[in-house]
Amino acid sequence: MLYFFAPKQKLGSGIFVTANIPTAAEVKEKGVAIAEMEAKLLQKVEEMTLYMIEMKKENIEIQKQNDALKARIEGLEKKNKKKANTNE
């Protein structure tokens, strides 16, 4: 049995999936044109691949920002520790 997202199904974090792929009930009722279905599925695979590439780029950028913030925090902590030691 085939299972696909319903048209414009909302996923977590406000992400919507829009699919022109028939539901399992529609396939059971009307059948499916294999070549047409294959083309739609390949299109969806391509869309998801491009989306994953974009998410990877965003993830790398966020990691760089995170690393910079960690370095800044460490620098501030060292500075604060030196300041505390000189006040003793």
Protein backbone atom coordinates (compact mmCIF):
# COMPACT_ATOMS: atom_id res chain seq x y z
CA MET A 1 0.00 0.00 0.00
CA LEU A 2 1.27 3.51 -0.83
CA TYR A 3 1.27 6.34 1.70
CA PHE A 4 2.02 9.95 0.83
CA PHE A 5 1.56 13.30 2.50
CA ALA A 6 -1.85 14.79 1.94
CA PRO A 7 -1.85 17.93 -0.21
CA LYS A 8 -0.59 20.92 1.81
CA GLN A 9 -0.04 18.87 4.97
CA LYS A 10 1.50 20.84 7.84
CA LEU A 11 4.59 19.32 9.40
CA GLY A 12 6.43 20.47 12.52
CA SER A 13 7.88 23.99 12.74
CA GLY A 14 5.28 25.43 10.37
CA ILE A 15 6.60 23.57 7.32
CA PHE A 16 4.00 22.71 4.72
CA VAL A 17 4.36 19.89 2.23
CA THR A 18 2.55 20.46 -1.00
CA ALA A 19 2.28 17.31 -3.04
CA ASN A 20 0.62 16.56 -6.32
CA ILE A 21 0.91 12.89 -5.50
CA PRO A 22 -2.24 10.88 -5.00
CA THR A 23 -3.13 9.56 -1.59
CA ALA A 24 -3.28 5.84 -0.87
CA ALA A 25 -7.07 5.97 -1.11
CA GLU A 26 -6.94 7.65 -4.53
CA VAL A 27 -4.45 5.07 -5.82
CA LYS A 28 -6.64 2.25 -4.55
CA GLU A 29 -9.75 3.77 -6.13
CA LYS A 30 -8.40 5.05 -9.46
CA GLY A 31 -5.10 3.25 -9.97
CA VAL A 32 -1.90 5.04 -10.92
CA ALA A 33 0.02 5.88 -14.09
CA ILE A 34 3.48 4.53 -13.29
CA ALA A 35 5.48 6.88 -15.55
CA GLU A 36 3.60 9.94 -14.28
CA MET A 37 4.02 8.84 -10.67
CA GLU A 38 7.73 8.18 -11.18
CA ALA A 39 8.22 11.67 -12.65
CA LYS A 40 6.39 13.26 -9.71
CA LEU A 41 8.40 11.27 -7.20
CA LEU A 42 11.68 12.21 -8.88
CA GLN A 43 10.60 15.85 -8.79
CA LYS A 44 9.90 15.56 -5.06
CA VAL A 45 13.27 13.87 -4.46
CA GLU A 46 14.96 16.75 -6.27
CA GLU A 47 13.01 19.35 -4.26
CA MET A 48 13.91 17.63 -0.99
CA THR A 49 17.57 17.32 -2.01
CA LEU A 50 17.75 21.04 -2.80
CA TYR A 51 16.02 21.80 0.49
CA MET A 52 18.49 19.63 2.40
CA ILE A 53 21.42 21.39 0.71
CA GLU A 54 19.98 24.75 1.76
CA MET A 55 19.46 23.51 5.32
CA LYS A 56 23.06 22.23 5.42
CA LYS A 57 24.32 25.67 4.38
CA GLU A 58 22.23 27.30 7.11
CA ASN A 59 23.46 24.73 9.62
CA ILE A 60 27.10 25.47 8.76
CA GLU A 61 26.50 29.22 9.14
CA ILE A 62 24.80 28.72 12.50
CA GLN A 63 27.68 26.48 13.65
CA LYS A 64 30.17 29.22 12.71
CA GLN A 65 28.16 31.76 14.68
CA ASN A 66 27.95 29.35 17.61
CA ASP A 67 31.72 28.78 17.57
CA ALA A 68 32.36 32.54 17.48
CA LEU A 69 30.03 33.06 20.43
CA LYS A 70 31.70 30.26 22.40
CA ALA A 71 35.12 31.84 21.75
CA ARG A 72 33.80 35.22 22.85
CA ILE A 73 32.34 33.75 26.05
CA GLU A 74 35.63 31.99 26.83
CA GLY A 75 37.52 35.25 26.29
CA LEU A 76 35.14 37.15 28.55
CA GLU A 77 35.35 34.46 31.23
CA LYS A 78 39.17 34.58 31.17
CA LYS A 79 39.10 38.36 31.35
CA ASN A 80 36.63 38.24 34.23
CA LYS A 81 38.73 35.63 36.04
CA LYS A 82 41.90 37.77 35.70
CA LYS A 83 39.98 40.78 36.96
CA ALA A 84 38.71 38.79 39.96
CA ASN A 85 42.26 37.55 40.75
CA THR A 86 43.72 41.08 40.69
CA ASN A 87 41.00 42.33 43.06
CA GLU A 88 41.86 39.71 45.69
